[in-house]
Amino acid sequence: MITTSIPNNTRQGHSPNVKFPRVLGIEAVGLVESAPGNQFRKGDKVAAAMGGLGRDFDGSYAEYTCVPVVQVQAIKTELPWETLGALPEVLQTAWGSLFKSLRLEKRERLLIRGGTTSVGLAAAAIAKNQEASVASTTRNPERAVLLRASGADQVFIDTGSIAEQVKELCPGGFDKVLELVGTTTLKDSLHCAKQGGHRLHDRNSRKQMVI
């Protein structure tokens, strides 16, 4: 069972489509108890996230949950449960942002605005594994070591405006920008992206922009 801000929003009445009573929880890791279609064996370690979990049908805030088999992924890992439990939505969001929204390709230059967020750290590791050149931002210089260990080739100390730093170190701008901070830095992030139809994904507003 995993906690995120989305169930809290539902509790506060911000999810009008959710019908109560409902067990909340939009992501889960655990062991299979039963798979009627024999897609999994009892005891298999699996993960599931989103797709109506905790919204259209009962979610993970319980000892057991029943999830559509198409949303379940078998995993092989020795990570402890408390670590594994933090991964499903974060990795799904990071992967989707990079490859579905930004359509990141090998050897492209990626800027992650808000690099020390959980999604930012995951995105850096995934992008680096795909041979992208990764730059990440942080407001705290002491977090630079963490960012580099997570896959960032370059770190920008974010004062709220980094466009001038980017212009000096990357004159052509970045091929793709993943904006994770929000509207306060969005305009500045636009100035960090290369011109010519490249995408900027603002996760907070769930919008894509072509510049």
Protein backbone atom coordinates (compact mmCIF):
# COMPACT_ATOMS: atom_id res chain seq x y z
CA MET A 1 0.00 0.00 0.00
CA ILE A 2 1.23 3.47 -0.94
CA THR A 3 0.07 6.96 -0.06
CA THR A 4 -0.01 9.89 -2.52
CA SER A 5 -1.66 13.29 -2.64
CA ILE A 6 -4.43 12.14 -5.03
CA PRO A 7 -6.41 10.18 -2.40
CA ASN A 8 -6.14 13.16 -0.08
CA ASN A 9 -7.67 15.33 -2.80
CA THR A 10 -10.48 12.79 -3.15
CA ARG A 11 -11.14 12.94 0.60
CA GLN A 12 -11.44 16.71 0.33
CA GLY A 13 -14.12 16.42 -2.34
CA HIS A 14 -11.97 17.27 -5.37
CA SER A 15 -12.82 14.06 -7.25
CA PRO A 16 -16.52 14.39 -8.08
CA ASN A 17 -16.56 11.26 -10.24
CA VAL A 18 -15.53 8.99 -7.36
CA LYS A 19 -18.57 7.24 -5.86
CA PHE A 20 -18.53 6.36 -2.17
CA PRO A 21 -18.13 4.13 -0.27
CA ARG A 22 -14.75 3.53 -1.90
CA VAL A 23 -11.40 2.16 -0.69
CA LEU A 24 -8.82 4.70 -1.86
CA GLY A 25 -5.24 4.16 -3.07
CA ILE A 26 -4.17 4.53 -6.70
CA GLU A 27 -1.02 2.37 -6.72
CA ALA A 28 0.07 -0.84 -5.08
CA VAL A 29 2.79 -3.46 -4.81
CA GLY A 30 2.32 -6.85 -3.24
CA LEU A 31 2.00 -10.61 -3.66
CA VAL A 32 -0.62 -12.32 -5.78
CA GLU A 33 -3.19 -14.22 -3.73
CA SER A 34 -5.25 -15.44 -6.67
CA ALA A 35 -5.42 -14.97 -10.46
CA PRO A 36 -8.54 -16.72 -11.84
CA GLY A 37 -7.22 -16.58 -15.41
CA ASN A 38 -3.85 -18.09 -14.38
CA GLN A 39 -1.94 -15.07 -15.71
CA PHE A 40 0.02 -15.03 -12.43
CA ARG A 41 0.94 -17.60 -9.82
CA LYS A 42 0.13 -17.29 -6.16
CA GLY A 43 3.03 -15.50 -4.46
CA ASP A 44 4.21 -13.60 -7.56
CA LYS A 45 5.52 -10.14 -6.71
CA VAL A 46 3.57 -7.52 -8.70
CA ALA A 47 2.85 -3.82 -9.04
CA ALA A 48 -0.20 -1.90 -10.28
CA ALA A 49 -1.08 1.77 -10.66
CA MET A 50 -3.79 4.10 -11.89
CA GLY A 51 -6.37 2.94 -14.44
CA GLY A 52 -9.28 3.49 -12.06
CA LEU A 53 -7.62 1.91 -9.01
CA GLY A 54 -9.02 3.61 -5.92
CA ARG A 55 -11.45 5.61 -8.02
CA ASP A 56 -13.63 3.40 -10.22
CA PHE A 57 -13.04 0.34 -8.03
CA ASP A 58 -11.53 -0.26 -4.60
CA GLY A 59 -7.87 0.63 -4.26
CA SER A 60 -4.78 -0.26 -2.29
CA TYR A 61 -5.54 1.14 1.17
CA ALA A 62 -6.49 -2.32 2.39
CA GLU A 63 -4.95 -5.72 3.07
CA TYR A 64 -6.23 -7.02 -0.27
CA THR A 65 -7.31 -5.39 -3.53
CA CYS A 66 -8.76 -6.82 -6.75
CA VAL A 67 -7.21 -5.25 -9.86
CA PRO A 68 -7.87 -5.87 -13.59
CA VAL A 69 -5.14 -8.18 -14.79
CA VAL A 70 -4.15 -5.84 -17.63
CA GLN A 71 -2.98 -3.32 -15.04
CA VAL A 72 -0.77 -5.76 -13.14
CA GLN A 73 2.94 -6.11 -13.88
CA ALA A 74 5.08 -8.92 -12.50
CA ILE A 75 8.38 -7.64 -11.10
CA LYS A 76 11.63 -9.30 -10.08
CA THR A 77 13.45 -7.33 -7.43
CA GLU A 78 15.06 -7.69 -4.03
CA LEU A 79 14.17 -4.13 -3.02
CA PRO A 80 12.56 -3.88 0.43
CA TRP A 81 8.81 -3.26 0.39
CA GLU A 82 9.15 0.27 1.77
CA THR A 83 11.34 1.19 -1.22
CA LEU A 84 9.41 -0.76 -3.83
CA GLY A 85 6.15 0.76 -2.61
CA ALA A 86 7.32 4.25 -3.53
CA LEU A 87 7.97 3.43 -7.18
CA PRO A 88 4.88 2.59 -9.31
CA GLU A 89 3.27 5.99 -9.87
CA VAL A 90 6.60 7.83 -9.83
CA LEU A 91 8.13 5.62 -12.52
CA GLN A 92 4.95 5.58 -14.59
CA THR A 93 4.73 9.38 -14.46
CA ALA A 94 8.41 9.86 -15.29
CA TRP A 95 8.36 7.36 -18.17
CA GLY A 96 5.14 8.75 -19.60
CA SER A 97 6.38 12.32 -19.38
CA LEU A 98 9.61 11.49 -21.19
CA PHE A 99 8.41 9.15 -23.92
CA LYS A 100 4.70 9.81 -24.43
CA SER A 101 4.61 13.56 -23.87
CA LEU A 102 8.11 14.73 -24.75
CA ARG A 103 8.96 11.84 -27.12
CA LEU A 104 12.54 11.92 -25.93
CA GLU A 105 15.05 10.32 -28.28
CA LYS A 106 18.59 9.07 -27.81
CA ARG A 107 21.31 11.71 -27.52
CA GLU A 108 18.83 14.58 -27.15
CA ARG A 109 19.50 17.25 -24.54
CA LEU A 110 16.94 17.20 -21.72
CA LEU A 111 16.41 19.79 -18.99
CA ILE A 112 14.51 18.68 -15.88
CA ARG A 113 13.17 21.72 -14.02
CA GLY A 114 12.63 20.54 -10.45
CA GLY A 115 15.23 17.80 -10.54
CA THR A 116 15.13 16.82 -6.86
CA THR A 117 11.45 15.87 -6.94
CA SER A 118 10.76 12.14 -6.94
CA VAL A 119 9.62 12.32 -10.56
CA GLY A 120 12.63 14.45 -11.47
CA LEU A 121 15.10 11.97 -10.00
CA ALA A 122 13.37 9.07 -11.71
CA ALA A 123 13.25 10.93 -15.04
CA ALA A 124 16.98 11.67 -14.88
CA ALA A 125 17.84 8.02 -14.31
CA ILE A 126 15.51 6.81 -17.07
CA ALA A 127 16.67 9.44 -19.58
CA LYS A 128 20.34 8.75 -18.86
CA ASN A 129 19.73 5.05 -19.41
CA GLN A 130 18.31 6.01 -22.82
CA GLU A 131 21.57 7.82 -23.67
CA ALA A 132 20.13 11.33 -23.38
CA SER A 133 22.21 14.22 -22.12
CA VAL A 134 20.55 15.31 -18.86
CA ALA A 135 20.60 18.61 -16.99
CA SER A 136 18.65 19.08 -13.76
CA THR A 137 17.87 22.04 -11.52
CA THR A 138 17.83 22.50 -7.76
CA ARG A 139 17.53 25.51 -5.49
CA ASN A 140 19.93 23.94 -2.99
CA PRO A 141 23.59 23.63 -4.08
CA GLU A 142 24.04 20.77 -1.61
CA ARG A 143 21.67 18.63 -3.70
CA ALA A 144 23.93 18.76 -6.75
CA VAL A 145 25.69 15.55 -5.69
CA LEU A 146 22.35 13.75 -5.47
CA LEU A 147 21.35 14.96 -8.93
CA ARG A 148 24.60 13.81 -10.51
CA ALA A 149 24.32 10.43 -8.81
CA SER A 150 20.82 10.08 -10.28
CA GLY A 151 21.98 10.67 -13.85
CA ALA A 152 22.35 14.43 -14.36
CA ASP A 153 25.37 15.42 -16.45
CA GLN A 154 24.88 19.08 -15.59
CA VAL A 155 23.29 20.87 -12.63
CA PHE A 156 21.81 24.37 -12.62
CA ILE A 157 21.27 26.15 -9.31
CA ASP A 158 17.77 27.54 -9.68
CA THR A 159 17.21 31.06 -8.39
CA GLY A 160 13.84 31.23 -10.13
CA SER A 161 15.47 32.24 -13.40
CA ILE A 162 18.02 30.02 -15.16
CA ALA A 163 17.51 31.06 -18.78
CA GLU A 164 20.67 33.20 -18.78
CA GLN A 165 22.72 30.34 -17.30
CA VAL A 166 21.36 28.05 -19.99
CA LYS A 167 22.14 30.57 -22.71
CA GLU A 168 25.78 30.67 -21.61
CA LEU A 169 26.29 26.92 -21.23
CA CYS A 170 23.88 25.63 -23.86
CA PRO A 171 23.49 28.42 -26.44
CA GLY A 172 21.14 26.46 -28.69
CA GLY A 173 18.80 25.55 -25.86
CA PHE A 174 17.56 22.12 -24.81
CA ASP A 175 15.77 19.74 -27.15
CA LYS A 176 13.22 18.87 -24.47
CA VAL A 177 12.25 20.44 -21.15
CA LEU A 178 10.39 18.60 -18.39
CA GLU A 179 8.78 21.28 -16.19
CA LEU A 180 8.01 19.94 -12.70
CA VAL A 181 7.95 23.15 -10.66
CA GLY A 182 4.87 24.80 -12.13
CA THR A 183 3.60 28.15 -13.29
CA THR A 184 6.18 30.16 -11.32
CA THR A 185 9.02 28.92 -13.54
CA LEU A 186 7.12 27.99 -16.68
CA LYS A 187 7.89 31.16 -18.65
CA ASP A 188 11.57 30.96 -17.80
CA SER A 189 11.63 27.28 -18.79
CA LEU A 190 10.22 28.19 -22.19
CA HIS A 191 13.30 30.34 -22.76
CA CYS A 192 15.50 27.31 -22.03
CA ALA A 193 14.06 25.17 -24.83
CA LYS A 194 15.30 25.05 -28.40
CA GLN A 195 13.09 26.78 -30.95
CA GLY A 196 11.56 24.84 -33.80
CA GLY A 197 8.63 22.75 -32.64
CA HIS A 198 10.16 21.04 -29.62
CA ARG A 199 7.90 20.21 -26.73
CA LEU A 200 7.75 21.41 -23.17
CA HIS A 201 5.69 19.33 -20.76
CA ASP A 202 4.25 20.99 -17.68
CA ARG A 203 3.26 18.10 -15.41
CA ASN A 204 1.51 20.36 -12.92
CA SER A 205 -0.96 21.81 -15.43
CA ARG A 206 -1.05 18.54 -17.48
CA LYS A 207 -0.44 20.58 -20.63
CA GLN A 208 2.01 20.32 -23.50
CA MET A 209 3.35 23.32 -25.36
CA VAL A 210 5.05 23.49 -28.73
CA ILE A 211 7.50 26.35 -29.03
